[in-house]
Each structure stands twice: as C-alpha cells, then as structure tokens.
Amino acid sequence: MSFKLIQCTHRHLVFTIDESLRRFFLEDRTLLNCLFEAVSDVIKEYFFSLEQTSQKTLSLGLSVSFI
C-alpha cells in the first residue's frame, strides 16, 4: 500500500461506519470501543511492518472523534 501513498511525514486516515450498520452502534455505544480497538490494531500492525521493512523508527499517534 505504501507505493500508492505520497512520500510525506504525515498520514491522515479516516474510518467510517457504513450507513446500514450505524443503527447497531447507536443502540449499543460500547460497540464503538470494539471498532476503535480493531482499527487501532490494523493501523499499528501496518506501521510495525512498515517500520521493519524501512529500517526507520516511526512514531504513531491515534485519536478518535464521533460526529
């Protein structure tokens, strides 16, 4: 995937919930934590593998917002 990205020091990723699934998250807000944990694991695994192949030390920060 990195070959598709512009070479820069900052990445901004946005994950959304499909409209057909939103009602589940509205009914049970605890599912949002499960979703955030899953997305966090995917991003950390990607950056860990990228760090291993690039021989560089990378810094990762995650934040979440709900609109």
PDB file of N, CA and C in Angstrom:
ATOM      1  N   MET A   1       0.817  -1.184   0.000  1.00  0.00           N
ATOM      2  CA  MET A   1       0.000   0.000   0.000  1.00  0.00           C
ATOM      3  C   MET A   1       0.865   1.253   0.000  1.00  0.00           C
ATOM      4  N   SER A   2       2.033   1.215   0.591  1.00  0.00           N
ATOM      5  CA  SER A   2       2.861   2.421   0.690  1.00  0.00           C
ATOM      6  C   SER A   2       3.273   2.956  -0.685  1.00  0.00           C
ATOM      7  N   PHE A   3       3.317   2.103  -1.708  1.00  0.00           N
ATOM      8  CA  PHE A   3       3.697   2.589  -3.024  1.00  0.00           C
ATOM      9  C   PHE A   3       2.629   3.503  -3.619  1.00  0.00           C
ATOM     10  N   LYS A   4       1.420   3.467  -3.090  1.00  0.00           N
ATOM     11  CA  LYS A   4       0.334   4.319  -3.562  1.00  0.00           C
ATOM     12  C   LYS A   4       0.289   5.657  -2.830  1.00  0.00           C
ATOM     13  N   LEU A   5       1.034   5.772  -1.744  1.00  0.00           N
ATOM     14  CA  LEU A   5       0.982   6.971  -0.923  1.00  0.00           C
ATOM     15  C   LEU A   5       2.076   7.957  -1.303  1.00  0.00           C
ATOM     16  N   ILE A   6       1.772   9.215  -1.167  1.00  0.00           N
ATOM     17  CA  ILE A   6       2.753  10.271  -1.390  1.00  0.00           C
ATOM     18  C   ILE A   6       3.781  10.196  -0.262  1.00  0.00           C
ATOM     19  N   GLN A   7       5.053  10.367  -0.593  1.00  0.00           N
ATOM     20  CA  GLN A   7       6.109  10.332   0.413  1.00  0.00           C
ATOM     21  C   GLN A   7       6.050  11.610   1.248  1.00  0.00           C
ATOM     22  N   CYS A   8       5.560  11.491   2.466  1.00  0.00           N
ATOM     23  CA  CYS A   8       5.483  12.628   3.374  1.00  0.00           C
ATOM     24  C   CYS A   8       5.606  12.126   4.807  1.00  0.00           C
ATOM     25  N   THR A   9       5.736  13.043   5.740  1.00  0.00           N
ATOM     26  CA  THR A   9       5.945  12.659   7.134  1.00  0.00           C
ATOM     27  C   THR A   9       4.630  12.523   7.900  1.00  0.00           C
ATOM     28  N   HIS A  10       3.510  12.804   7.260  1.00  0.00           N
ATOM     29  CA  HIS A  10       2.217  12.784   7.958  1.00  0.00           C
ATOM     30  C   HIS A  10       1.210  11.958   7.160  1.00  0.00           C
ATOM     31  N   ARG A  11       0.446  11.145   7.851  1.00  0.00           N
ATOM     32  CA  ARG A  11      -0.634  10.384   7.226  1.00  0.00           C
ATOM     33  C   ARG A  11      -1.922  10.680   8.000  1.00  0.00           C
ATOM     34  N   HIS A  12      -2.999  10.831   7.284  1.00  0.00           N
ATOM     35  CA  HIS A  12      -4.308  11.069   7.903  1.00  0.00           C
ATOM     36  C   HIS A  12      -5.255  10.003   7.361  1.00  0.00           C
ATOM     37  N   LEU A  13      -5.734   9.134   8.234  1.00  0.00           N
ATOM     38  CA  LEU A  13      -6.637   8.066   7.830  1.00  0.00           C
ATOM     39  C   LEU A  13      -7.997   8.286   8.462  1.00  0.00           C
ATOM     40  N   VAL A  14      -9.046   8.025   7.699  1.00  0.00           N
ATOM     41  CA  VAL A  14     -10.407   8.185   8.199  1.00  0.00           C
ATOM     42  C   VAL A  14     -11.139   6.860   8.026  1.00  0.00           C
ATOM     43  N   PHE A  15     -11.711   6.368   9.109  1.00  0.00           N
ATOM     44  CA  PHE A  15     -12.533   5.168   9.070  1.00  0.00           C
ATOM     45  C   PHE A  15     -13.965   5.584   9.359  1.00  0.00           C
ATOM     46  N   THR A  16     -14.891   5.071   8.564  1.00  0.00           N
ATOM     47  CA  THR A  16     -16.295   5.412   8.756  1.00  0.00           C
ATOM     48  C   THR A  16     -17.115   4.146   8.964  1.00  0.00           C
ATOM     49  N   ILE A  17     -18.296   4.332   9.468  1.00  0.00           N
ATOM     50  CA  ILE A  17     -19.233   3.230   9.663  1.00  0.00           C
ATOM     51  C   ILE A  17     -20.275   3.322   8.554  1.00  0.00           C
ATOM     52  N   ASP A  18     -20.461   2.222   7.836  1.00  0.00           N
ATOM     53  CA  ASP A  18     -21.443   2.189   6.768  1.00  0.00           C
ATOM     54  C   ASP A  18     -22.829   2.534   7.317  1.00  0.00           C
ATOM     55  N   GLU A  19     -23.601   3.246   6.519  1.00  0.00           N
ATOM     56  CA  GLU A  19     -24.914   3.706   6.967  1.00  0.00           C
ATOM     57  C   GLU A  19     -25.814   2.555   7.422  1.00  0.00           C
ATOM     58  N   SER A  20     -25.713   1.402   6.769  1.00  0.00           N
ATOM     59  CA  SER A  20     -26.559   0.269   7.142  1.00  0.00           C
ATOM     60  C   SER A  20     -26.185  -0.322   8.502  1.00  0.00           C
ATOM     61  N   LEU A  21     -24.982  -0.033   9.004  1.00  0.00           N
ATOM     62  CA  LEU A  21     -24.532  -0.562  10.296  1.00  0.00           C
ATOM     63  C   LEU A  21     -24.654   0.435  11.440  1.00  0.00           C
ATOM     64  N   ARG A  22     -24.922   1.678  11.130  1.00  0.00           N
ATOM     65  CA  ARG A  22     -24.928   2.729  12.150  1.00  0.00           C
ATOM     66  C   ARG A  22     -25.944   2.498  13.258  1.00  0.00           C
ATOM     67  N   ARG A  23     -27.078   1.900  12.932  1.00  0.00           N
ATOM     68  CA  ARG A  23     -28.110   1.687  13.955  1.00  0.00           C
ATOM     69  C   ARG A  23     -27.616   0.784  15.076  1.00  0.00           C
ATOM     70  N   PHE A  24     -26.742  -0.194  14.743  1.00  0.00           N
ATOM     71  CA  PHE A  24     -26.188  -1.073  15.776  1.00  0.00           C
ATOM     72  C   PHE A  24     -25.336  -0.286  16.767  1.00  0.00           C
ATOM     73  N   PHE A  25     -24.560   0.650  16.245  1.00  0.00           N
ATOM     74  CA  PHE A  25     -23.699   1.468  17.095  1.00  0.00           C
ATOM     75  C   PHE A  25     -24.500   2.508  17.883  1.00  0.00           C
ATOM     76  N   LEU A  26     -25.611   2.943  17.325  1.00  0.00           N
ATOM     77  CA  LEU A  26     -26.478   3.871  18.061  1.00  0.00           C
ATOM     78  C   LEU A  26     -27.202   3.158  19.208  1.00  0.00           C
ATOM     79  N   GLU A  27     -27.564   1.912  18.983  1.00  0.00           N
ATOM     80  CA  GLU A  27     -28.260   1.132  20.017  1.00  0.00           C
ATOM     81  C   GLU A  27     -27.325   0.661  21.123  1.00  0.00           C
ATOM     82  N   ASP A  28     -26.088   0.352  20.767  1.00  0.00           N
ATOM     83  CA  ASP A  28     -25.110  -0.151  21.746  1.00  0.00           C
ATOM     84  C   ASP A  28     -23.792   0.591  21.544  1.00  0.00           C
ATOM     85  N   ARG A  29     -23.615   1.674  22.271  1.00  0.00           N
ATOM     86  CA  ARG A  29     -22.429   2.529  22.106  1.00  0.00           C
ATOM     87  C   ARG A  29     -21.131   1.827  22.491  1.00  0.00           C
ATOM     88  N   THR A  30     -21.217   0.730  23.252  1.00  0.00           N
ATOM     89  CA  THR A  30     -19.992   0.006  23.625  1.00  0.00           C
ATOM     90  C   THR A  30     -19.339  -0.637  22.404  1.00  0.00           C
ATOM     91  N   LEU A  31     -20.104  -0.835  21.342  1.00  0.00           N
ATOM     92  CA  LEU A  31     -19.534  -1.394  20.107  1.00  0.00           C
ATOM     93  C   LEU A  31     -18.503  -0.452  19.490  1.00  0.00           C
ATOM     94  N   LEU A  32     -18.641   0.847  19.763  1.00  0.00           N
ATOM     95  CA  LEU A  32     -17.679   1.806  19.221  1.00  0.00           C
ATOM     96  C   LEU A  32     -16.279   1.539  19.754  1.00  0.00           C
ATOM     97  N   ASN A  33     -16.176   1.129  21.011  1.00  0.00           N
ATOM     98  CA  ASN A  33     -14.868   0.808  21.571  1.00  0.00           C
ATOM     99  C   ASN A  33     -14.266  -0.411  20.868  1.00  0.00           C
ATOM    100  N   CYS A  34     -15.101  -1.415  20.587  1.00  0.00           N
ATOM    101  CA  CYS A  34     -14.625  -2.594  19.844  1.00  0.00           C
ATOM    102  C   CYS A  34     -14.124  -2.193  18.460  1.00  0.00           C
ATOM    103  N   LEU A  35     -14.865  -1.310  17.816  1.00  0.00           N
ATOM    104  CA  LEU A  35     -14.469  -0.840  16.485  1.00  0.00           C
ATOM    105  C   LEU A  35     -13.146  -0.080  16.554  1.00  0.00           C
ATOM    106  N   PHE A  36     -13.019   0.825  17.529  1.00  0.00           N
ATOM    107  CA  PHE A  36     -11.787   1.594  17.664  1.00  0.00           C
ATOM    108  C   PHE A  36     -10.595   0.677  17.927  1.00  0.00           C
ATOM    109  N   GLU A  37     -10.774  -0.327  18.783  1.00  0.00           N
ATOM    110  CA  GLU A  37      -9.693  -1.273  19.074  1.00  0.00           C
ATOM    111  C   GLU A  37      -9.279  -2.033  17.821  1.00  0.00           C
ATOM    112  N   ALA A  38     -10.246  -2.462  17.015  1.00  0.00           N
ATOM    113  CA  ALA A  38      -9.945  -3.194  15.784  1.00  0.00           C
ATOM    114  C   ALA A  38      -9.189  -2.313  14.795  1.00  0.00           C
ATOM    115  N   VAL A  39      -9.651  -1.095  14.616  1.00  0.00           N
ATOM    116  CA  VAL A  39      -8.979  -0.156  13.707  1.00  0.00           C
ATOM    117  C   VAL A  39      -7.576   0.158  14.220  1.00  0.00           C
ATOM    118  N   SER A  40      -7.446   0.353  15.518  1.00  0.00           N
ATOM    119  CA  SER A  40      -6.147   0.626  16.130  1.00  0.00           C
ATOM    120  C   SER A  40      -5.169  -0.527  15.880  1.00  0.00           C
ATOM    121  N   ASP A  41      -5.646  -1.759  16.035  1.00  0.00           N
ATOM    122  CA  ASP A  41      -4.789  -2.931  15.795  1.00  0.00           C
ATOM    123  C   ASP A  41      -4.312  -3.001  14.350  1.00  0.00           C
ATOM    124  N   VAL A  42      -5.206  -2.710  13.422  1.00  0.00           N
ATOM    125  CA  VAL A  42      -4.848  -2.732  11.995  1.00  0.00           C
ATOM    126  C   VAL A  42      -3.784  -1.681  11.696  1.00  0.00           C
ATOM    127  N   ILE A  43      -3.986  -0.464  12.186  1.00  0.00           N
ATOM    128  CA  ILE A  43      -3.029   0.615  11.929  1.00  0.00           C
ATOM    129  C   ILE A  43      -1.676   0.305  12.571  1.00  0.00           C
ATOM    130  N   LYS A  44      -1.671  -0.174  13.814  1.00  0.00           N
ATOM    131  CA  LYS A  44      -0.409  -0.490  14.492  1.00  0.00           C
ATOM    132  C   LYS A  44       0.341  -1.610  13.770  1.00  0.00           C
ATOM    133  N   GLU A  45      -0.376  -2.625  13.302  1.00  0.00           N
ATOM    134  CA  GLU A  45       0.261  -3.723  12.573  1.00  0.00           C
ATOM    135  C   GLU A  45       0.867  -3.223  11.264  1.00  0.00           C
ATOM    136  N   TYR A  46       0.140  -2.365  10.561  1.00  0.00           N
ATOM    137  CA  TYR A  46       0.657  -1.800   9.312  1.00  0.00           C
ATOM    138  C   TYR A  46       1.941  -1.006   9.556  1.00  0.00           C
ATOM    139  N   PHE A  47       1.930  -0.126  10.553  1.00  0.00           N
ATOM    140  CA  PHE A  47       3.108   0.686  10.825  1.00  0.00           C
ATOM    141  C   PHE A  47       4.266  -0.139  11.380  1.00  0.00           C
ATOM    142  N   PHE A  48       3.967  -1.197  12.141  1.00  0.00           N
ATOM    143  CA  PHE A  48       5.019  -2.072  12.634  1.00  0.00           C
ATOM    144  C   PHE A  48       5.708  -2.759  11.463  1.00  0.00           C
ATOM    145  N   SER A  49       4.934  -3.273  10.509  1.00  0.00           N
ATOM    146  CA  SER A  49       5.539  -3.938   9.353  1.00  0.00           C
ATOM    147  C   SER A  49       6.287  -2.941   8.472  1.00  0.00           C
ATOM    148  N   LEU A  50       5.768  -1.728   8.347  1.00  0.00           N
ATOM    149  CA  LEU A  50       6.437  -0.688   7.575  1.00  0.00           C
ATOM    150  C   LEU A  50       7.765  -0.309   8.222  1.00  0.00           C
ATOM    151  N   GLU A  51       7.767  -0.212   9.549  1.00  0.00           N
ATOM    152  CA  GLU A  51       8.985   0.128  10.283  1.00  0.00           C
ATOM    153  C   GLU A  51      10.048  -0.959  10.110  1.00  0.00           C
ATOM    154  N   GLN A  52       9.629  -2.222  10.114  1.00  0.00           N
ATOM    155  CA  GLN A  52      10.563  -3.336   9.981  1.00  0.00           C
ATOM    156  C   GLN A  52      11.217  -3.367   8.598  1.00  0.00           C
ATOM    157  N   THR A  53      10.461  -3.019   7.560  1.00  0.00           N
ATOM    158  CA  THR A  53      10.993  -3.061   6.200  1.00  0.00           C
ATOM    159  C   THR A  53      11.768  -1.806   5.823  1.00  0.00           C
ATOM    160  N   SER A  54      11.497  -0.685   6.481  1.00  0.00           N
ATOM    161  CA  SER A  54      12.140   0.571   6.083  1.00  0.00           C
ATOM    162  C   SER A  54      13.382   0.893   6.900  1.00  0.00           C
ATOM    163  N   GLN A  55      13.624   0.153   7.984  1.00  0.00           N
ATOM    164  CA  GLN A  55      14.773   0.413   8.853  1.00  0.00           C
ATOM    165  C   GLN A  55      14.719   1.806   9.465  1.00  0.00           C
ATOM    166  N   LYS A  56      13.529   2.360   9.613  1.00  0.00           N
ATOM    167  CA  LYS A  56      13.351   3.669  10.234  1.00  0.00           C
ATOM    168  C   LYS A  56      12.522   3.514  11.502  1.00  0.00           C
ATOM    169  N   THR A  57      12.693   4.437  12.419  1.00  0.00           N
ATOM    170  CA  THR A  57      11.860   4.466  13.611  1.00  0.00           C
ATOM    171  C   THR A  57      10.670   5.378  13.333  1.00  0.00           C
ATOM    172  N   LEU A  58       9.472   4.838  13.482  1.00  0.00           N
ATOM    173  CA  LEU A  58       8.268   5.604  13.212  1.00  0.00           C
ATOM    174  C   LEU A  58       7.537   5.912  14.505  1.00  0.00           C
ATOM    175  N   SER A  59       6.841   7.021  14.523  1.00  0.00           N
ATOM    176  CA  SER A  59       6.046   7.421  15.687  1.00  0.00           C
ATOM    177  C   SER A  59       4.583   7.407  15.281  1.00  0.00           C
ATOM    178  N   LEU A  60       3.759   6.790  16.101  1.00  0.00           N
ATOM    179  CA  LEU A  60       2.350   6.648  15.783  1.00  0.00           C
ATOM    180  C   LEU A  60       1.485   7.242  16.872  1.00  0.00           C
ATOM    181  N   GLY A  61       0.509   8.037  16.495  1.00  0.00           N
ATOM    182  CA  GLY A  61      -0.458   8.585  17.442  1.00  0.00           C
ATOM    183  C   GLY A  61      -1.856   8.366  16.895  1.00  0.00           C
ATOM    184  N   LEU A  62      -2.766   7.976  17.764  1.00  0.00           N
ATOM    185  CA  LEU A  62      -4.138   7.714  17.333  1.00  0.00           C
ATOM    186  C   LEU A  62      -5.099   8.577  18.135  1.00  0.00           C
ATOM    187  N   SER A  63      -6.123   9.065  17.469  1.00  0.00           N
ATOM    188  CA  SER A  63      -7.186   9.788  18.158  1.00  0.00           C
ATOM    189  C   SER A  63      -8.508   9.388  17.511  1.00  0.00           C
ATOM    190  N   VAL A  64      -9.572   9.608  18.233  1.00  0.00           N
ATOM    191  CA  VAL A  64     -10.895   9.250  17.710  1.00  0.00           C
ATOM    192  C   VAL A  64     -11.853  10.402  17.986  1.00  0.00           C
ATOM    193  N   SER A  65     -12.770  10.611  17.040  1.00  0.00           N
ATOM    194  CA  SER A  65     -13.826  11.604  17.263  1.00  0.00           C
ATOM    195  C   SER A  65     -15.110  11.056  16.674  1.00  0.00           C
ATOM    196  N   PHE A  66     -16.204  11.409  17.316  1.00  0.00           N
ATOM    197  CA  PHE A  66     -17.519  10.971  16.865  1.00  0.00           C
ATOM    198  C   PHE A  66     -18.345  12.184  16.487  1.00  0.00           C
ATOM    199  N   ILE A  67     -18.932  12.106  15.334  1.00  0.00           N
ATOM    200  CA  ILE A  67     -19.750  13.219  14.856  1.00  0.00           C
ATOM    201  C   ILE A  67     -21.178  12.747  14.696  1.00  0.00           C
TER     202      ILE A  67
END
